């Protein structure tokens, strides 16, 4: 399901960009989007969709690990 758009931040280069807010594996978590600057998939939503942004990427690290294992 697509929720709309949201702002993402890249963990690799720090770039902020707008991308589609789509569910990840049928959960309410937002799936990472490819960074428009460096192409990394290690991105996470900022703001309302990811209140843990205050403490770093949080749960998204587990998502990245799952994607990198493929």
PDB file of N, CA and C in Angstrom:
ATOM      1  N   UNK A   1       0.841  -1.167   0.000  1.00  0.00           N
ATOM      2  CA  UNK A   1       0.000   0.000   0.000  1.00  0.00           C
ATOM      3  C   UNK A   1       0.894   1.240   0.000  1.00  0.00           C
ATOM      4  N   UNK A   2       0.469   2.226  -0.726  1.00  0.00           N
ATOM      5  CA  UNK A   2       1.199   3.501  -0.753  1.00  0.00           C
ATOM      6  C   UNK A   2       0.425   4.511   0.085  1.00  0.00           C
ATOM      7  N   UNK A   3       1.114   5.134   1.022  1.00  0.00           N
ATOM      8  CA  UNK A   3       0.494   6.103   1.926  1.00  0.00           C
ATOM      9  C   UNK A   3       0.531   7.523   1.369  1.00  0.00           C
ATOM     10  N   UNK A   4       1.363   7.765   0.400  1.00  0.00           N
ATOM     11  CA  UNK A   4       1.556   9.109  -0.156  1.00  0.00           C
ATOM     12  C   UNK A   4       3.045   9.358  -0.333  1.00  0.00           C
ATOM     13  N   UNK A   5       3.498  10.551  -0.007  1.00  0.00           N
ATOM     14  CA  UNK A   5       4.931  10.862  -0.074  1.00  0.00           C
ATOM     15  C   UNK A   5       5.415  11.314   1.295  1.00  0.00           C
ATOM     16  N   UNK A   6       6.700  11.180   1.494  1.00  0.00           N
ATOM     17  CA  UNK A   6       7.317  11.633   2.738  1.00  0.00           C
ATOM     18  C   UNK A   6       8.764  12.026   2.452  1.00  0.00           C
ATOM     19  N   UNK A   7       9.381  12.667   3.400  1.00  0.00           N
ATOM     20  CA  UNK A   7      10.785  13.049   3.283  1.00  0.00           C
ATOM     21  C   UNK A   7      11.652  11.938   3.860  1.00  0.00           C
ATOM     22  N   UNK A   8      12.666  11.557   3.122  1.00  0.00           N
ATOM     23  CA  UNK A   8      13.618  10.530   3.550  1.00  0.00           C
ATOM     24  C   UNK A   8      14.971  11.176   3.786  1.00  0.00           C
ATOM     25  N   UNK A   9      15.782  10.534   4.613  1.00  0.00           N
ATOM     26  CA  UNK A   9      17.176  10.925   4.820  1.00  0.00           C
ATOM     27  C   UNK A   9      18.038   9.708   4.532  1.00  0.00           C
ATOM     28  N   UNK A  10      19.131   9.940   3.822  1.00  0.00           N
ATOM     29  CA  UNK A  10      20.082   8.874   3.505  1.00  0.00           C
ATOM     30  C   UNK A  10      21.083   8.754   4.649  1.00  0.00           C
ATOM     31  N   UNK A  11      21.271   7.534   5.135  1.00  0.00           N
ATOM     32  CA  UNK A  11      22.219   7.286   6.212  1.00  0.00           C
ATOM     33  C   UNK A  11      23.658   7.364   5.719  1.00  0.00           C
ATOM     34  N   UNK A  12      23.870   7.161   4.421  1.00  0.00           N
ATOM     35  CA  UNK A  12      25.215   7.179   3.846  1.00  0.00           C
ATOM     36  C   UNK A  12      25.728   8.598   3.602  1.00  0.00           C
ATOM     37  N   UNK A  13      24.923   9.432   2.920  1.00  0.00           N
ATOM     38  CA  UNK A  13      25.413  10.765   2.532  1.00  0.00           C
ATOM     39  C   UNK A  13      24.674  11.923   3.209  1.00  0.00           C
ATOM     40  N   UNK A  14      23.596  11.626   3.953  1.00  0.00           N
ATOM     41  CA  UNK A  14      22.865  12.678   4.658  1.00  0.00           C
ATOM     42  C   UNK A  14      21.871  13.440   3.794  1.00  0.00           C
ATOM     43  N   UNK A  15      21.733  13.068   2.531  1.00  0.00           N
ATOM     44  CA  UNK A  15      20.817  13.743   1.619  1.00  0.00           C
ATOM     45  C   UNK A  15      19.374  13.591   2.093  1.00  0.00           C
ATOM     46  N   UNK A  16      18.599  14.671   2.002  1.00  0.00           N
ATOM     47  CA  UNK A  16      17.166  14.618   2.267  1.00  0.00           C
ATOM     48  C   UNK A  16      16.435  14.740   0.933  1.00  0.00           C
ATOM     49  N   UNK A  17      15.428  13.898   0.727  1.00  0.00           N
ATOM     50  CA  UNK A  17      14.677  13.918  -0.517  1.00  0.00           C
ATOM     51  C   UNK A  17      13.256  13.418  -0.263  1.00  0.00           C
ATOM     52  N   UNK A  18      12.375  13.690  -1.203  1.00  0.00           N
ATOM     53  CA  UNK A  18      10.986  13.260  -1.099  1.00  0.00           C
ATOM     54  C   UNK A  18      10.797  12.008  -1.936  1.00  0.00           C
ATOM     55  N   UNK A  19      10.127  11.017  -1.355  1.00  0.00           N
ATOM     56  CA  UNK A  19       9.864   9.767  -2.059  1.00  0.00           C
ATOM     57  C   UNK A  19       8.526   9.192  -1.636  1.00  0.00           C
ATOM     58  N   UNK A  20       8.114   8.107  -2.296  1.00  0.00           N
ATOM     59  CA  UNK A  20       6.859   7.445  -1.964  1.00  0.00           C
ATOM     60  C   UNK A  20       6.941   6.774  -0.602  1.00  0.00           C
ATOM     61  N   UNK A  21       5.898   6.936   0.185  1.00  0.00           N
ATOM     62  CA  UNK A  21       5.793   6.262   1.475  1.00  0.00           C
ATOM     63  C   UNK A  21       4.976   5.001   1.256  1.00  0.00           C
ATOM     64  N   UNK A  22       5.668   3.887   1.063  1.00  0.00           N
ATOM     65  CA  UNK A  22       5.013   2.604   0.813  1.00  0.00           C
ATOM     66  C   UNK A  22       5.282   1.661   1.977  1.00  0.00           C
ATOM     67  N   UNK A  23       4.331   0.771   2.246  1.00  0.00           N
ATOM     68  CA  UNK A  23       4.505  -0.160   3.360  1.00  0.00           C
ATOM     69  C   UNK A  23       5.624  -1.148   3.078  1.00  0.00           C
ATOM     70  N   UNK A  24       6.232  -1.627   4.136  1.00  0.00           N
ATOM     71  CA  UNK A  24       7.303  -2.617   4.032  1.00  0.00           C
ATOM     72  C   UNK A  24       6.789  -3.946   4.579  1.00  0.00           C
ATOM     73  N   UNK A  25       6.767  -4.970   3.741  1.00  0.00           N
ATOM     74  CA  UNK A  25       6.340  -6.333   4.123  1.00  0.00           C
ATOM     75  C   UNK A  25       5.004  -6.361   4.864  1.00  0.00           C
ATOM     76  N   UNK A  26       4.014  -5.651   4.356  1.00  0.00           N
ATOM     77  CA  UNK A  26       2.647  -5.642   4.914  1.00  0.00           C
ATOM     78  C   UNK A  26       2.625  -5.187   6.376  1.00  0.00           C
ATOM     79  N   UNK A  27       3.479  -4.214   6.707  1.00  0.00           N
ATOM     80  CA  UNK A  27       3.477  -3.618   8.044  1.00  0.00           C
ATOM     81  C   UNK A  27       3.252  -2.115   7.896  1.00  0.00           C
ATOM     82  N   UNK A  28       3.186  -1.422   9.010  1.00  0.00           N
ATOM     83  CA  UNK A  28       3.045   0.029   8.950  1.00  0.00           C
ATOM     84  C   UNK A  28       4.394   0.725   8.793  1.00  0.00           C
ATOM     85  N   UNK A  29       5.481  -0.038   8.752  1.00  0.00           N
ATOM     86  CA  UNK A  29       6.808   0.545   8.542  1.00  0.00           C
ATOM     87  C   UNK A  29       6.932   1.027   7.101  1.00  0.00           C
ATOM     88  N   UNK A  30       7.650   2.115   6.901  1.00  0.00           N
ATOM     89  CA  UNK A  30       7.856   2.676   5.572  1.00  0.00           C
ATOM     90  C   UNK A  30       9.086   2.026   4.944  1.00  0.00           C
ATOM     91  N   UNK A  31       8.927   1.537   3.725  1.00  0.00           N
ATOM     92  CA  UNK A  31      10.021   0.888   2.998  1.00  0.00           C
ATOM     93  C   UNK A  31      11.073   1.921   2.596  1.00  0.00           C
ATOM     94  N   UNK A  32      12.353   1.558   2.673  1.00  0.00           N
ATOM     95  CA  UNK A  32      13.411   2.471   2.232  1.00  0.00           C
ATOM     96  C   UNK A  32      13.290   2.764   0.735  1.00  0.00           C
ATOM     97  N   UNK A  33      13.675   3.961   0.339  1.00  0.00           N
ATOM     98  CA  UNK A  33      13.696   4.359  -1.069  1.00  0.00           C
ATOM     99  C   UNK A  33      15.146   4.626  -1.457  1.00  0.00           C
ATOM    100  N   UNK A  34      15.478   4.416  -2.715  1.00  0.00           N
ATOM    101  CA  UNK A  34      16.841   4.655  -3.190  1.00  0.00           C
ATOM    102  C   UNK A  34      17.168   6.142  -3.108  1.00  0.00           C
ATOM    103  N   UNK A  35      18.336   6.484  -2.543  1.00  0.00           N
ATOM    104  CA  UNK A  35      18.774   7.872  -2.409  1.00  0.00           C
ATOM    105  C   UNK A  35      18.961   8.495  -3.793  1.00  0.00           C
ATOM    106  N   UNK A  36      18.443   9.694  -3.952  1.00  0.00           N
ATOM    107  CA  UNK A  36      18.558  10.387  -5.234  1.00  0.00           C
ATOM    108  C   UNK A  36      19.957  10.942  -5.466  1.00  0.00           C
ATOM    109  N   UNK A  37      20.769  10.980  -4.417  1.00  0.00           N
ATOM    110  CA  UNK A  37      22.119  11.532  -4.534  1.00  0.00           C
ATOM    111  C   UNK A  37      23.164  10.437  -4.773  1.00  0.00           C
ATOM    112  N   UNK A  38      23.207   9.437  -3.890  1.00  0.00           N
ATOM    113  CA  UNK A  38      24.272   8.431  -3.981  1.00  0.00           C
ATOM    114  C   UNK A  38      23.780   7.045  -4.397  1.00  0.00           C
ATOM    115  N   UNK A  39      22.465   6.830  -4.442  1.00  0.00           N
ATOM    116  CA  UNK A  39      21.927   5.550  -4.860  1.00  0.00           C
ATOM    117  C   UNK A  39      21.814   4.506  -3.762  1.00  0.00           C
ATOM    118  N   UNK A  40      22.155   4.854  -2.543  1.00  0.00           N
ATOM    119  CA  UNK A  40      22.089   3.914  -1.430  1.00  0.00           C
ATOM    120  C   UNK A  40      20.634   3.596  -1.083  1.00  0.00           C
ATOM    121  N   UNK A  41      20.401   2.375  -0.610  1.00  0.00           N
ATOM    122  CA  UNK A  41      19.083   1.987  -0.115  1.00  0.00           C
ATOM    123  C   UNK A  41      18.991   2.149   1.399  1.00  0.00           C
ATOM    124  N   UNK A  42      20.038   2.647   2.027  1.00  0.00           N
ATOM    125  CA  UNK A  42      20.044   2.853   3.468  1.00  0.00           C
ATOM    126  C   UNK A  42      19.439   4.219   3.780  1.00  0.00           C
ATOM    127  N   UNK A  43      18.129   4.311   3.580  1.00  0.00           N
ATOM    128  CA  UNK A  43      17.397   5.551   3.813  1.00  0.00           C
ATOM    129  C   UNK A  43      16.275   5.292   4.800  1.00  0.00           C
ATOM    130  N   UNK A  44      15.809   6.344   5.452  1.00  0.00           N
ATOM    131  CA  UNK A  44      14.708   6.214   6.396  1.00  0.00           C
ATOM    132  C   UNK A  44      13.867   7.485   6.379  1.00  0.00           C
ATOM    133  N   UNK A  45      12.559   7.346   6.679  1.00  0.00           N
ATOM    134  CA  UNK A  45      11.690   8.518   6.686  1.00  0.00           C
ATOM    135  C   UNK A  45      11.995   9.400   7.890  1.00  0.00           C
ATOM    136  N   UNK A  46      11.859  10.689   7.705  1.00  0.00           N
ATOM    137  CA  UNK A  46      12.072  11.632   8.805  1.00  0.00           C
ATOM    138  C   UNK A  46      10.719  12.200   9.224  1.00  0.00           C
ATOM    139  N   UNK A  47      10.659  12.697  10.440  1.00  0.00           N
ATOM    140  CA  UNK A  47       9.453  13.352  10.923  1.00  0.00           C
ATOM    141  C   UNK A  47       8.420  12.383  11.467  1.00  0.00           C
ATOM    142  N   UNK A  48       7.156  12.651  11.164  1.00  0.00           N
ATOM    143  CA  UNK A  48       6.027  11.916  11.727  1.00  0.00           C
ATOM    144  C   UNK A  48       6.125  10.413  11.523  1.00  0.00           C
ATOM    145  N   UNK A  49       6.536   9.968  10.341  1.00  0.00           N
ATOM    146  CA  UNK A  49       6.574   8.537  10.039  1.00  0.00           C
ATOM    147  C   UNK A  49       7.661   7.798  10.810  1.00  0.00           C
ATOM    148  N   UNK A  50       8.614   8.510  11.359  1.00  0.00           N
ATOM    149  CA  UNK A  50       9.701   7.839  12.069  1.00  0.00           C
ATOM    150  C   UNK A  50      10.122   8.679  13.272  1.00  0.00           C
ATOM    151  N   UNK A  51       9.318   8.651  14.351  1.00  0.00           N
ATOM    152  CA  UNK A  51       9.677   9.460  15.521  1.00  0.00           C
ATOM    153  C   UNK A  51      11.012   9.057  16.140  1.00  0.00           C
ATOM    154  N   UNK A  52      11.492   7.833  15.860  1.00  0.00           N
ATOM    155  CA  UNK A  52      12.777   7.411  16.411  1.00  0.00           C
ATOM    156  C   UNK A  52      13.941   8.071  15.694  1.00  0.00           C
ATOM    157  N   UNK A  53      13.662   8.926  14.705  1.00  0.00           N
ATOM    158  CA  UNK A  53      14.732   9.634  13.999  1.00  0.00           C
ATOM    159  C   UNK A  53      15.600  10.428  14.979  1.00  0.00           C
ATOM    160  N   UNK A  54      15.021  10.843  16.082  1.00  0.00           N
ATOM    161  CA  UNK A  54      15.786  11.580  17.086  1.00  0.00           C
ATOM    162  C   UNK A  54      16.960  10.762  17.601  1.00  0.00           C
ATOM    163  N   UNK A  55      16.834   9.437  17.523  1.00  0.00           N
ATOM    164  CA  UNK A  55      17.864   8.546  18.056  1.00  0.00           C
ATOM    165  C   UNK A  55      18.632   7.823  16.963  1.00  0.00           C
ATOM    166  N   UNK A  56      18.510   8.248  15.710  1.00  0.00           N
ATOM    167  CA  UNK A  56      19.166   7.589  14.587  1.00  0.00           C
ATOM    168  C   UNK A  56      18.177   6.752  13.806  1.00  0.00           C
ATOM    169  N   UNK A  57      18.656   5.952  12.886  1.00  0.00           N
ATOM    170  CA  UNK A  57      17.758   5.214  12.007  1.00  0.00           C
ATOM    171  C   UNK A  57      16.919   4.143  12.693  1.00  0.00           C
ATOM    172  N   UNK A  58      17.278   3.704  13.901  1.00  0.00           N
ATOM    173  CA  UNK A  58      16.456   2.779  14.671  1.00  0.00           C
ATOM    174  C   UNK A  58      16.126   1.478  13.955  1.00  0.00           C
ATOM    175  N   UNK A  59      14.830   1.175  13.853  1.00  0.00           N
ATOM    176  CA  UNK A  59      14.351  -0.078  13.278  1.00  0.00           C
ATOM    177  C   UNK A  59      14.781  -0.236  11.830  1.00  0.00           C
ATOM    178  N   UNK A  60      15.042   0.849  11.152  1.00  0.00           N
ATOM    179  CA  UNK A  60      15.424   0.757   9.744  1.00  0.00           C
ATOM    180  C   UNK A  60      16.738   0.015   9.552  1.00  0.00           C
ATOM    181  N   UNK A  61      17.604  -0.017  10.548  1.00  0.00           N
ATOM    182  CA  UNK A  61      18.851  -0.780  10.449  1.00  0.00           C
ATOM    183  C   UNK A  61      18.546  -2.259  10.217  1.00  0.00           C
ATOM    184  N   UNK A  62      17.499  -2.776  10.875  1.00  0.00           N
ATOM    185  CA  UNK A  62      17.116  -4.173  10.686  1.00  0.00           C
ATOM    186  C   UNK A  62      16.572  -4.400   9.273  1.00  0.00           C
ATOM    187  N   UNK A  63      15.844  -3.428   8.745  1.00  0.00           N
ATOM    188  CA  UNK A  63      15.330  -3.527   7.382  1.00  0.00           C
ATOM    189  C   UNK A  63      16.498  -3.561   6.401  1.00  0.00           C
ATOM    190  N   UNK A  64      17.486  -2.690   6.616  1.00  0.00           N
ATOM    191  CA  UNK A  64      18.652  -2.643   5.716  1.00  0.00           C
ATOM    192  C   UNK A  64      19.399  -3.965   5.743  1.00  0.00           C
ATOM    193  N   UNK A  65      19.593  -4.523   6.951  1.00  0.00           N
ATOM    194  CA  UNK A  65      20.288  -5.804   7.075  1.00  0.00           C
ATOM    195  C   UNK A  65      19.552  -6.902   6.316  1.00  0.00           C
ATOM    196  N   UNK A  66      18.213  -6.906   6.393  1.00  0.00           N
ATOM    197  CA  UNK A  66      17.420  -7.906   5.679  1.00  0.00           C
ATOM    198  C   UNK A  66      17.559  -7.729   4.170  1.00  0.00           C
ATOM    199  N   UNK A  67      17.565  -6.480   3.704  1.00  0.00           N
ATOM    200  CA  UNK A  67      17.712  -6.235   2.278  1.00  0.00           C
ATOM    201  C   UNK A  67      19.116  -6.568   1.785  1.00  0.00           C
ATOM    202  N   UNK A  68      20.126  -6.250   2.591  1.00  0.00           N
ATOM    203  CA  UNK A  68      21.508  -6.508   2.188  1.00  0.00           C
ATOM    204  C   UNK A  68      21.801  -8.014   2.113  1.00  0.00           C
ATOM    205  N   UNK A  69      21.066  -8.815   2.885  1.00  0.00           N
ATOM    206  CA  UNK A  69      21.292 -10.258   2.914  1.00  0.00           C
ATOM    207  C   UNK A  69      20.800 -10.939   1.639  1.00  0.00           C
ATOM    208  N   UNK A  70      19.946 -10.267   0.875  1.00  0.00           N
ATOM    209  CA  UNK A  70      19.380 -10.871  -0.349  1.00  0.00           C
ATOM    210  C   UNK A  70      20.374 -10.895  -1.476  1.00  0.00           C
TER     211      UNK A  70
END
